[in-house]
ModelCIF file with pLDDT and N, C-alpha, C, O atoms, coordinates in Angstrom:
data_MODEL
#
_entry.id   MODEL 
#
_entity.id                         1 
_entity.type                       polymer 
_entity.pdbx_number_of_molecules   1 
#
_entity_poly.entity_id                      1 
_entity_poly.type                           'polypeptide(L)' 
_entity_poly.nstd_linkage                   no 
_entity_poly.nstd_monomer                   no 
_entity_poly.pdbx_seq_one_letter_code       LGTADVPGCELVGTLPALYPEWLGDRSFAADHGVRFPYVAGEMAQ 
_entity_poly.pdbx_seq_one_letter_code_can   LGTADVPGCELVGTLPALYPEWLGDRSFAADHGVRFPYVAGEMAQ 
_entity_poly.pdbx_strand_id                 A 
#
loop_
_entity_poly_seq.entity_id 
_entity_poly_seq.num 
_entity_poly_seq.mon_id 
_entity_poly_seq.hetero 
1 1  LEU n 
1 2  GLY n 
1 3  THR n 
1 4  ALA n 
1 5  ASP n 
1 6  VAL n 
1 7  PRO n 
1 8  GLY n 
1 9  CYS n 
1 10 GLU n 
1 11 LEU n 
1 12 VAL n 
1 13 GLY n 
1 14 THR n 
1 15 LEU n 
1 16 PRO n 
1 17 ALA n 
1 18 LEU n 
1 19 TYR n 
1 20 PRO n 
1 21 GLU n 
1 22 TRP n 
1 23 LEU n 
1 24 GLY n 
1 25 ASP n 
1 26 ARG n 
1 27 SER n 
1 28 PHE n 
1 29 ALA n 
1 30 ALA n 
1 31 ASP n 
1 32 HIS n 
1 33 GLY n 
1 34 VAL n 
1 35 ARG n 
1 36 PHE n 
1 37 PRO n 
1 38 TYR n 
1 39 VAL n 
1 40 ALA n 
1 41 GLY n 
1 42 GLU n 
1 43 MET n 
1 44 ALA n 
1 45 GLN n 
#
_struct_asym.id          A 
_struct_asym.entity_id   1 
#
loop_
_ma_qa_metric.id 
_ma_qa_metric.mode 
_ma_qa_metric.name 
_ma_qa_metric.software_group_id 
_ma_qa_metric.type 
1 global pLDDT . pLDDT 
2 local  pLDDT . pLDDT 
#
_ma_qa_metric_global.metric_id      1 
_ma_qa_metric_global.metric_value   93.20 
_ma_qa_metric_global.model_id       1 
_ma_qa_metric_global.ordinal_id     1 
#
loop_
_ma_qa_metric_local.label_asym_id 
_ma_qa_metric_local.label_comp_id 
_ma_qa_metric_local.label_seq_id 
_ma_qa_metric_local.metric_id 
_ma_qa_metric_local.metric_value 
_ma_qa_metric_local.model_id 
_ma_qa_metric_local.ordinal_id 
A LEU 1  2 91.00 1 1  
A GLY 2  2 88.00 1 2  
A THR 3  2 79.00 1 3  
A ALA 4  2 79.00 1 4  
A ASP 5  2 81.00 1 5  
A VAL 6  2 82.00 1 6  
A PRO 7  2 83.00 1 7  
A GLY 8  2 83.00 1 8  
A CYS 9  2 86.00 1 9  
A GLU 10 2 89.00 1 10 
A LEU 11 2 90.00 1 11 
A VAL 12 2 89.00 1 12 
A GLY 13 2 90.00 1 13 
A THR 14 2 93.00 1 14 
A LEU 15 2 94.00 1 15 
A PRO 16 2 95.00 1 16 
A ALA 17 2 97.00 1 17 
A LEU 18 2 97.00 1 18 
A TYR 19 2 98.00 1 19 
A PRO 20 2 98.00 1 20 
A GLU 21 2 97.00 1 21 
A TRP 22 2 97.00 1 22 
A LEU 23 2 97.00 1 23 
A GLY 24 2 96.00 1 24 
A ASP 25 2 97.00 1 25 
A ARG 26 2 96.00 1 26 
A SER 27 2 97.00 1 27 
A PHE 28 2 98.00 1 28 
A ALA 29 2 97.00 1 29 
A ALA 30 2 97.00 1 30 
A ASP 31 2 97.00 1 31 
A HIS 32 2 97.00 1 32 
A GLY 33 2 97.00 1 33 
A VAL 34 2 98.00 1 34 
A ARG 35 2 98.00 1 35 
A PHE 36 2 98.00 1 36 
A PRO 37 2 98.00 1 37 
A TYR 38 2 98.00 1 38 
A VAL 39 2 98.00 1 39 
A ALA 40 2 98.00 1 40 
A GLY 41 2 96.00 1 41 
A GLU 42 2 95.00 1 42 
A MET 43 2 93.00 1 43 
A ALA 44 2 90.00 1 44 
A GLN 45 2 92.00 1 45 
#
loop_
_atom_site.group_PDB 
_atom_site.id 
_atom_site.type_symbol 
_atom_site.label_atom_id 
_atom_site.label_alt_id 
_atom_site.label_comp_id 
_atom_site.label_asym_id 
_atom_site.label_entity_id 
_atom_site.label_seq_id 
_atom_site.pdbx_PDB_ins_code 
_atom_site.Cartn_x 
_atom_site.Cartn_y 
_atom_site.Cartn_z 
_atom_site.occupancy 
_atom_site.B_iso_or_equiv 
_atom_site.pdbx_formal_charge 
_atom_site.auth_seq_id 
_atom_site.auth_comp_id 
_atom_site.auth_asym_id 
_atom_site.auth_atom_id 
_atom_site.pdbx_PDB_model_num 
ATOM 1   N N  . LEU A 1 1  ? 0.995   -1.253 0.339   1.00 91.00 ? 1  LEU A N  1 
ATOM 2   C CA . LEU A 1 1  ? -0.117  0.163  -0.297  1.00 91.00 ? 1  LEU A CA 1 
ATOM 3   C C  . LEU A 1 1  ? 1.150   1.309  -0.072  1.00 91.00 ? 1  LEU A C  1 
ATOM 4   O O  . LEU A 1 1  ? 2.053   1.195  0.757   1.00 91.00 ? 1  LEU A O  1 
ATOM 5   N N  . GLY A 1 2  ? 0.994   2.257  -0.883  1.00 88.00 ? 2  GLY A N  1 
ATOM 6   C CA . GLY A 1 2  ? 1.343   3.553  -0.854  1.00 88.00 ? 2  GLY A CA 1 
ATOM 7   C C  . GLY A 1 2  ? 2.185   3.696  -1.801  1.00 88.00 ? 2  GLY A C  1 
ATOM 8   O O  . GLY A 1 2  ? 1.932   2.732  -2.524  1.00 88.00 ? 2  GLY A O  1 
ATOM 9   N N  . THR A 1 3  ? 3.486   4.582  -2.537  1.00 79.00 ? 3  THR A N  1 
ATOM 10  C CA . THR A 1 3  ? 5.045   4.362  -2.904  1.00 79.00 ? 3  THR A CA 1 
ATOM 11  C C  . THR A 1 3  ? 5.820   4.580  -1.916  1.00 79.00 ? 3  THR A C  1 
ATOM 12  O O  . THR A 1 3  ? 7.010   4.839  -2.093  1.00 79.00 ? 3  THR A O  1 
ATOM 13  N N  . ALA A 1 4  ? 5.456   4.534  -1.127  1.00 79.00 ? 4  ALA A N  1 
ATOM 14  C CA . ALA A 1 4  ? 7.208   4.599  -0.214  1.00 79.00 ? 4  ALA A CA 1 
ATOM 15  C C  . ALA A 1 4  ? 8.167   3.907  -0.276  1.00 79.00 ? 4  ALA A C  1 
ATOM 16  O O  . ALA A 1 4  ? 8.214   3.417  0.853   1.00 79.00 ? 4  ALA A O  1 
ATOM 17  N N  . ASP A 1 5  ? 9.361   3.341  -1.087  1.00 81.00 ? 5  ASP A N  1 
ATOM 18  C CA . ASP A 1 5  ? 10.710  3.290  0.136   1.00 81.00 ? 5  ASP A CA 1 
ATOM 19  C C  . ASP A 1 5  ? 9.966   2.031  0.450   1.00 81.00 ? 5  ASP A C  1 
ATOM 20  O O  . ASP A 1 5  ? 8.803   2.269  0.776   1.00 81.00 ? 5  ASP A O  1 
ATOM 21  N N  . VAL A 1 6  ? 10.331  0.581  0.451   1.00 82.00 ? 6  VAL A N  1 
ATOM 22  C CA . VAL A 1 6  ? 9.885   -1.243 1.206   1.00 82.00 ? 6  VAL A CA 1 
ATOM 23  C C  . VAL A 1 6  ? 12.521  -1.097 1.080   1.00 82.00 ? 6  VAL A C  1 
ATOM 24  O O  . VAL A 1 6  ? 13.379  -0.934 0.213   1.00 82.00 ? 6  VAL A O  1 
ATOM 25  N N  . PRO A 1 7  ? 12.476  -1.215 1.915   1.00 83.00 ? 7  PRO A N  1 
ATOM 26  C CA . PRO A 1 7  ? 14.280  -1.819 2.055   1.00 83.00 ? 7  PRO A CA 1 
ATOM 27  C C  . PRO A 1 7  ? 14.034  -3.154 1.690   1.00 83.00 ? 7  PRO A C  1 
ATOM 28  O O  . PRO A 1 7  ? 13.250  -4.016 2.088   1.00 83.00 ? 7  PRO A O  1 
ATOM 29  N N  . GLY A 1 8  ? 15.268  -3.078 0.474   1.00 83.00 ? 8  GLY A N  1 
ATOM 30  C CA . GLY A 1 8  ? 15.142  -4.056 0.333   1.00 83.00 ? 8  GLY A CA 1 
ATOM 31  C C  . GLY A 1 8  ? 14.485  -4.901 -1.305  1.00 83.00 ? 8  GLY A C  1 
ATOM 32  O O  . GLY A 1 8  ? 14.667  -5.989 -1.850  1.00 83.00 ? 8  GLY A O  1 
ATOM 33  N N  . CYS A 1 9  ? 13.857  -3.938 -1.532  1.00 86.00 ? 9  CYS A N  1 
ATOM 34  C CA . CYS A 1 9  ? 13.137  -3.522 -2.525  1.00 86.00 ? 9  CYS A CA 1 
ATOM 35  C C  . CYS A 1 9  ? 13.423  -2.370 -3.715  1.00 86.00 ? 9  CYS A C  1 
ATOM 36  O O  . CYS A 1 9  ? 13.965  -1.289 -3.484  1.00 86.00 ? 9  CYS A O  1 
ATOM 37  N N  . GLU A 1 10 ? 12.916  -2.852 -5.136  1.00 89.00 ? 10 GLU A N  1 
ATOM 38  C CA . GLU A 1 10 ? 12.531  -1.675 -6.127  1.00 89.00 ? 10 GLU A CA 1 
ATOM 39  C C  . GLU A 1 10 ? 11.281  -1.446 -6.044  1.00 89.00 ? 10 GLU A C  1 
ATOM 40  O O  . GLU A 1 10 ? 10.329  -2.196 -5.826  1.00 89.00 ? 10 GLU A O  1 
ATOM 41  N N  . LEU A 1 11 ? 11.375  -0.091 -6.282  1.00 90.00 ? 11 LEU A N  1 
ATOM 42  C CA . LEU A 1 11 ? 9.282   0.041  -6.822  1.00 90.00 ? 11 LEU A CA 1 
ATOM 43  C C  . LEU A 1 11 ? 9.721   0.008  -8.438  1.00 90.00 ? 11 LEU A C  1 
ATOM 44  O O  . LEU A 1 11 ? 10.746  0.521  -8.886  1.00 90.00 ? 11 LEU A O  1 
ATOM 45  N N  . VAL A 1 12 ? 8.693   -0.724 -9.221  1.00 89.00 ? 12 VAL A N  1 
ATOM 46  C CA . VAL A 1 12 ? 8.999   -1.069 -10.500 1.00 89.00 ? 12 VAL A CA 1 
ATOM 47  C C  . VAL A 1 12 ? 7.340   -0.906 -11.405 1.00 89.00 ? 12 VAL A C  1 
ATOM 48  O O  . VAL A 1 12 ? 7.113   -0.890 -12.614 1.00 89.00 ? 12 VAL A O  1 
ATOM 49  N N  . GLY A 1 13 ? 6.568   -0.822 -10.430 1.00 90.00 ? 13 GLY A N  1 
ATOM 50  C CA . GLY A 1 13 ? 5.339   0.251  -10.913 1.00 90.00 ? 13 GLY A CA 1 
ATOM 51  C C  . GLY A 1 13 ? 4.602   1.007  -9.591  1.00 90.00 ? 13 GLY A C  1 
ATOM 52  O O  . GLY A 1 13 ? 5.048   0.821  -8.459  1.00 90.00 ? 13 GLY A O  1 
ATOM 53  N N  . THR A 1 14 ? 3.392   1.909  -9.846  1.00 93.00 ? 14 THR A N  1 
ATOM 54  C CA . THR A 1 14 ? 1.602   1.849  -9.104  1.00 93.00 ? 14 THR A CA 1 
ATOM 55  C C  . THR A 1 14 ? 1.148   2.425  -9.957  1.00 93.00 ? 14 THR A C  1 
ATOM 56  O O  . THR A 1 14 ? 1.207   2.802  -11.128 1.00 93.00 ? 14 THR A O  1 
ATOM 57  N N  . LEU A 1 15 ? 0.449   2.389  -8.665  1.00 94.00 ? 15 LEU A N  1 
ATOM 58  C CA . LEU A 1 15 ? -0.862  2.164  -9.470  1.00 94.00 ? 15 LEU A CA 1 
ATOM 59  C C  . LEU A 1 15 ? -2.162  2.713  -8.286  1.00 94.00 ? 15 LEU A C  1 
ATOM 60  O O  . LEU A 1 15 ? -2.639  2.335  -7.216  1.00 94.00 ? 15 LEU A O  1 
ATOM 61  N N  . PRO A 1 16 ? -2.363  4.029  -9.453  1.00 95.00 ? 16 PRO A N  1 
ATOM 62  C CA . PRO A 1 16 ? -3.306  4.891  -8.711  1.00 95.00 ? 16 PRO A CA 1 
ATOM 63  C C  . PRO A 1 16 ? -4.336  4.209  -8.039  1.00 95.00 ? 16 PRO A C  1 
ATOM 64  O O  . PRO A 1 16 ? -4.704  3.069  -8.323  1.00 95.00 ? 16 PRO A O  1 
ATOM 65  N N  . ALA A 1 17 ? -4.995  5.219  -6.761  1.00 97.00 ? 17 ALA A N  1 
ATOM 66  C CA . ALA A 1 17 ? -6.488  4.884  -6.366  1.00 97.00 ? 17 ALA A CA 1 
ATOM 67  C C  . ALA A 1 17 ? -7.088  4.263  -7.465  1.00 97.00 ? 17 ALA A C  1 
ATOM 68  O O  . ALA A 1 17 ? -6.613  4.605  -8.548  1.00 97.00 ? 17 ALA A O  1 
ATOM 69  N N  . LEU A 1 18 ? -7.823  3.604  -7.489  1.00 97.00 ? 18 LEU A N  1 
ATOM 70  C CA . LEU A 1 18 ? -9.784  3.561  -8.270  1.00 97.00 ? 18 LEU A CA 1 
ATOM 71  C C  . LEU A 1 18 ? -10.561 3.859  -7.561  1.00 97.00 ? 18 LEU A C  1 
ATOM 72  O O  . LEU A 1 18 ? -10.431 4.103  -6.361  1.00 97.00 ? 18 LEU A O  1 
ATOM 73  N N  . TYR A 1 19 ? -11.126 3.874  -7.952  1.00 98.00 ? 19 TYR A N  1 
ATOM 74  C CA . TYR A 1 19 ? -12.897 4.404  -6.799  1.00 98.00 ? 19 TYR A CA 1 
ATOM 75  C C  . TYR A 1 19 ? -14.180 4.197  -7.799  1.00 98.00 ? 19 TYR A C  1 
ATOM 76  O O  . TYR A 1 19 ? -14.361 4.959  -8.749  1.00 98.00 ? 19 TYR A O  1 
ATOM 77  N N  . PRO A 1 20 ? -15.085 3.065  -7.494  1.00 98.00 ? 20 PRO A N  1 
ATOM 78  C CA . PRO A 1 20 ? -16.118 3.115  -8.038  1.00 98.00 ? 20 PRO A CA 1 
ATOM 79  C C  . PRO A 1 20 ? -16.849 3.914  -9.065  1.00 98.00 ? 20 PRO A C  1 
ATOM 80  O O  . PRO A 1 20 ? -17.565 3.421  -9.937  1.00 98.00 ? 20 PRO A O  1 
ATOM 81  N N  . GLU A 1 21 ? -16.531 5.644  -8.833  1.00 97.00 ? 21 GLU A N  1 
ATOM 82  C CA . GLU A 1 21 ? -17.341 6.682  -9.368  1.00 97.00 ? 21 GLU A CA 1 
ATOM 83  C C  . GLU A 1 21 ? -16.152 6.685  -10.798 1.00 97.00 ? 21 GLU A C  1 
ATOM 84  O O  . GLU A 1 21 ? -16.302 6.741  -12.018 1.00 97.00 ? 21 GLU A O  1 
ATOM 85  N N  . TRP A 1 22 ? -15.299 6.619  -10.138 1.00 97.00 ? 22 TRP A N  1 
ATOM 86  C CA . TRP A 1 22 ? -13.687 6.780  -11.791 1.00 97.00 ? 22 TRP A CA 1 
ATOM 87  C C  . TRP A 1 22 ? -14.179 5.212  -13.075 1.00 97.00 ? 22 TRP A C  1 
ATOM 88  O O  . TRP A 1 22 ? -13.577 5.125  -14.145 1.00 97.00 ? 22 TRP A O  1 
ATOM 89  N N  . LEU A 1 23 ? -15.372 4.086  -12.659 1.00 97.00 ? 23 LEU A N  1 
ATOM 90  C CA . LEU A 1 23 ? -15.231 2.821  -13.828 1.00 97.00 ? 23 LEU A CA 1 
ATOM 91  C C  . LEU A 1 23 ? -16.268 3.456  -15.213 1.00 97.00 ? 23 LEU A C  1 
ATOM 92  O O  . LEU A 1 23 ? -17.397 3.942  -15.146 1.00 97.00 ? 23 LEU A O  1 
ATOM 93  N N  . GLY A 1 24 ? -15.801 3.334  -15.856 1.00 96.00 ? 24 GLY A N  1 
ATOM 94  C CA . GLY A 1 24 ? -16.751 3.539  -17.059 1.00 96.00 ? 24 GLY A CA 1 
ATOM 95  C C  . GLY A 1 24 ? -15.849 5.566  -17.386 1.00 96.00 ? 24 GLY A C  1 
ATOM 96  O O  . GLY A 1 24 ? -14.850 6.259  -17.190 1.00 96.00 ? 24 GLY A O  1 
ATOM 97  N N  . ASP A 1 25 ? -17.181 5.527  -17.963 1.00 97.00 ? 25 ASP A N  1 
ATOM 98  C CA . ASP A 1 25 ? -17.458 7.047  -18.985 1.00 97.00 ? 25 ASP A CA 1 
ATOM 99  C C  . ASP A 1 25 ? -17.962 8.168  -17.416 1.00 97.00 ? 25 ASP A C  1 
ATOM 100 O O  . ASP A 1 25 ? -18.977 8.124  -16.721 1.00 97.00 ? 25 ASP A O  1 
ATOM 101 N N  . ARG A 1 26 ? -16.619 9.161  -17.335 1.00 96.00 ? 26 ARG A N  1 
ATOM 102 C CA . ARG A 1 26 ? -17.035 9.753  -16.066 1.00 96.00 ? 26 ARG A CA 1 
ATOM 103 C C  . ARG A 1 26 ? -18.110 11.088 -16.623 1.00 96.00 ? 26 ARG A C  1 
ATOM 104 O O  . ARG A 1 26 ? -18.456 12.026 -15.906 1.00 96.00 ? 26 ARG A O  1 
ATOM 105 N N  . SER A 1 27 ? -18.480 10.902 -17.957 1.00 97.00 ? 27 SER A N  1 
ATOM 106 C CA . SER A 1 27 ? -18.715 11.784 -18.433 1.00 97.00 ? 27 SER A CA 1 
ATOM 107 C C  . SER A 1 27 ? -20.781 12.340 -17.982 1.00 97.00 ? 27 SER A C  1 
ATOM 108 O O  . SER A 1 27 ? -21.518 13.303 -17.774 1.00 97.00 ? 27 SER A O  1 
ATOM 109 N N  . PHE A 1 28 ? -20.720 10.436 -18.110 1.00 98.00 ? 28 PHE A N  1 
ATOM 110 C CA . PHE A 1 28 ? -21.521 9.860  -17.030 1.00 98.00 ? 28 PHE A CA 1 
ATOM 111 C C  . PHE A 1 28 ? -22.243 10.335 -16.639 1.00 98.00 ? 28 PHE A C  1 
ATOM 112 O O  . PHE A 1 28 ? -23.381 10.684 -16.952 1.00 98.00 ? 28 PHE A O  1 
ATOM 113 N N  . ALA A 1 29 ? -21.506 10.417 -15.720 1.00 97.00 ? 29 ALA A N  1 
ATOM 114 C CA . ALA A 1 29 ? -21.824 11.088 -14.401 1.00 97.00 ? 29 ALA A CA 1 
ATOM 115 C C  . ALA A 1 29 ? -21.929 12.026 -13.776 1.00 97.00 ? 29 ALA A C  1 
ATOM 116 O O  . ALA A 1 29 ? -22.402 12.242 -12.661 1.00 97.00 ? 29 ALA A O  1 
ATOM 117 N N  . ALA A 1 30 ? -21.235 12.935 -14.893 1.00 97.00 ? 30 ALA A N  1 
ATOM 118 C CA . ALA A 1 30 ? -21.391 14.090 -14.684 1.00 97.00 ? 30 ALA A CA 1 
ATOM 119 C C  . ALA A 1 30 ? -22.510 14.729 -15.150 1.00 97.00 ? 30 ALA A C  1 
ATOM 120 O O  . ALA A 1 30 ? -23.220 15.337 -14.350 1.00 97.00 ? 30 ALA A O  1 
ATOM 121 N N  . ASP A 1 31 ? -22.797 14.686 -16.378 1.00 97.00 ? 31 ASP A N  1 
ATOM 122 C CA . ASP A 1 31 ? -24.378 14.960 -17.304 1.00 97.00 ? 31 ASP A CA 1 
ATOM 123 C C  . ASP A 1 31 ? -25.607 14.166 -16.472 1.00 97.00 ? 31 ASP A C  1 
ATOM 124 O O  . ASP A 1 31 ? -26.708 14.711 -16.558 1.00 97.00 ? 31 ASP A O  1 
ATOM 125 N N  . HIS A 1 32 ? -25.550 13.278 -15.898 1.00 97.00 ? 32 HIS A N  1 
ATOM 126 C CA . HIS A 1 32 ? -26.479 12.805 -15.366 1.00 97.00 ? 32 HIS A CA 1 
ATOM 127 C C  . HIS A 1 32 ? -26.949 12.838 -14.055 1.00 97.00 ? 32 HIS A C  1 
ATOM 128 O O  . HIS A 1 32 ? -27.862 12.116 -13.652 1.00 97.00 ? 32 HIS A O  1 
ATOM 129 N N  . GLY A 1 33 ? -25.975 14.169 -12.954 1.00 97.00 ? 33 GLY A N  1 
ATOM 130 C CA . GLY A 1 33 ? -25.372 14.327 -11.786 1.00 97.00 ? 33 GLY A CA 1 
ATOM 131 C C  . GLY A 1 33 ? -25.525 13.065 -10.752 1.00 97.00 ? 33 GLY A C  1 
ATOM 132 O O  . GLY A 1 33 ? -26.106 13.245 -9.682  1.00 97.00 ? 33 GLY A O  1 
ATOM 133 N N  . VAL A 1 34 ? -24.831 11.402 -11.203 1.00 98.00 ? 34 VAL A N  1 
ATOM 134 C CA . VAL A 1 34 ? -24.977 11.068 -10.060 1.00 98.00 ? 34 VAL A CA 1 
ATOM 135 C C  . VAL A 1 34 ? -23.724 10.474 -9.544  1.00 98.00 ? 34 VAL A C  1 
ATOM 136 O O  . VAL A 1 34 ? -22.820 11.105 -10.091 1.00 98.00 ? 34 VAL A O  1 
ATOM 137 N N  . ARG A 1 35 ? -23.336 9.783  -8.944  1.00 98.00 ? 35 ARG A N  1 
ATOM 138 C CA . ARG A 1 35 ? -22.383 9.599  -8.047  1.00 98.00 ? 35 ARG A CA 1 
ATOM 139 C C  . ARG A 1 35 ? -21.300 7.939  -8.813  1.00 98.00 ? 35 ARG A C  1 
ATOM 140 O O  . ARG A 1 35 ? -20.081 7.784  -8.891  1.00 98.00 ? 35 ARG A O  1 
ATOM 141 N N  . PHE A 1 36 ? -22.610 6.886  -9.287  1.00 98.00 ? 36 PHE A N  1 
ATOM 142 C CA . PHE A 1 36 ? -21.652 5.704  -10.365 1.00 98.00 ? 36 PHE A CA 1 
ATOM 143 C C  . PHE A 1 36 ? -22.008 6.204  -11.651 1.00 98.00 ? 36 PHE A C  1 
ATOM 144 O O  . PHE A 1 36 ? -22.452 7.322  -11.915 1.00 98.00 ? 36 PHE A O  1 
ATOM 145 N N  . PRO A 1 37 ? -21.745 5.171  -12.494 1.00 98.00 ? 37 PRO A N  1 
ATOM 146 C CA . PRO A 1 37 ? -21.871 5.405  -14.184 1.00 98.00 ? 37 PRO A CA 1 
ATOM 147 C C  . PRO A 1 37 ? -23.246 4.023  -14.277 1.00 98.00 ? 37 PRO A C  1 
ATOM 148 O O  . PRO A 1 37 ? -23.184 3.280  -15.257 1.00 98.00 ? 37 PRO A O  1 
ATOM 149 N N  . TYR A 1 38 ? -23.741 3.920  -13.827 1.00 98.00 ? 38 TYR A N  1 
ATOM 150 C CA . TYR A 1 38 ? -25.087 2.470  -12.914 1.00 98.00 ? 38 TYR A CA 1 
ATOM 151 C C  . TYR A 1 38 ? -26.390 3.114  -13.332 1.00 98.00 ? 38 TYR A C  1 
ATOM 152 O O  . TYR A 1 38 ? -26.717 4.257  -13.016 1.00 98.00 ? 38 TYR A O  1 
ATOM 153 N N  . VAL A 1 39 ? -27.187 2.190  -14.153 1.00 98.00 ? 39 VAL A N  1 
ATOM 154 C CA . VAL A 1 39 ? -28.748 2.266  -13.839 1.00 98.00 ? 39 VAL A CA 1 
ATOM 155 C C  . VAL A 1 39 ? -29.128 1.460  -13.499 1.00 98.00 ? 39 VAL A C  1 
ATOM 156 O O  . VAL A 1 39 ? -28.708 0.337  -13.777 1.00 98.00 ? 39 VAL A O  1 
ATOM 157 N N  . ALA A 1 40 ? -30.386 1.789  -12.521 1.00 98.00 ? 40 ALA A N  1 
ATOM 158 C CA . ALA A 1 40 ? -30.787 0.404  -12.180 1.00 98.00 ? 40 ALA A CA 1 
ATOM 159 C C  . ALA A 1 40 ? -32.701 0.515  -13.260 1.00 98.00 ? 40 ALA A C  1 
ATOM 160 O O  . ALA A 1 40 ? -33.752 1.148  -13.159 1.00 98.00 ? 40 ALA A O  1 
ATOM 161 N N  . GLY A 1 41 ? -31.949 -0.821 -14.400 1.00 96.00 ? 41 GLY A N  1 
ATOM 162 C CA . GLY A 1 41 ? -33.241 -0.057 -16.209 1.00 96.00 ? 41 GLY A CA 1 
ATOM 163 C C  . GLY A 1 41 ? -34.586 -0.322 -15.586 1.00 96.00 ? 41 GLY A C  1 
ATOM 164 O O  . GLY A 1 41 ? -34.854 -0.934 -14.552 1.00 96.00 ? 41 GLY A O  1 
ATOM 165 N N  . GLU A 1 42 ? -35.231 0.173  -16.299 1.00 95.00 ? 42 GLU A N  1 
ATOM 166 C CA . GLU A 1 42 ? -36.674 -0.484 -16.352 1.00 95.00 ? 42 GLU A CA 1 
ATOM 167 C C  . GLU A 1 42 ? -37.381 -1.519 -16.392 1.00 95.00 ? 42 GLU A C  1 
ATOM 168 O O  . GLU A 1 42 ? -37.218 -2.259 -17.362 1.00 95.00 ? 42 GLU A O  1 
ATOM 169 N N  . MET A 1 43 ? -38.100 -1.784 -15.645 1.00 93.00 ? 43 MET A N  1 
ATOM 170 C CA . MET A 1 43 ? -38.630 -3.533 -15.832 1.00 93.00 ? 43 MET A CA 1 
ATOM 171 C C  . MET A 1 43 ? -40.367 -2.984 -15.483 1.00 93.00 ? 43 MET A C  1 
ATOM 172 O O  . MET A 1 43 ? -40.981 -2.453 -14.558 1.00 93.00 ? 43 MET A O  1 
ATOM 173 N N  . ALA A 1 44 ? -40.583 -3.401 -16.596 1.00 90.00 ? 44 ALA A N  1 
ATOM 174 C CA . ALA A 1 44 ? -42.480 -3.320 -16.833 1.00 90.00 ? 44 ALA A CA 1 
ATOM 175 C C  . ALA A 1 44 ? -43.043 -3.200 -15.984 1.00 90.00 ? 44 ALA A C  1 
ATOM 176 O O  . ALA A 1 44 ? -42.890 -3.626 -14.840 1.00 90.00 ? 44 ALA A O  1 
ATOM 177 N N  . GLN A 1 45 ? -44.095 -2.337 -16.623 1.00 92.00 ? 45 GLN A N  1 
ATOM 178 C CA . GLN A 1 45 ? -45.458 -2.295 -15.451 1.00 92.00 ? 45 GLN A CA 1 
ATOM 179 C C  . GLN A 1 45 ? -45.494 -1.769 -14.056 1.00 92.00 ? 45 GLN A C  1 
ATOM 180 O O  . GLN A 1 45 ? -46.534 -1.828 -13.400 1.00 92.00 ? 45 GLN A O  1 
#
């Protein structure tokens, strides 16, 4: 966790923070005013 130096190791890659809000296209959340790019879809009747 984090990207601080680890004794006896070399850092070969980093993974930035990842949030559910960031999956998919972020413009979806901005345009619809929602937290997630997720829809509870229509079910008839």
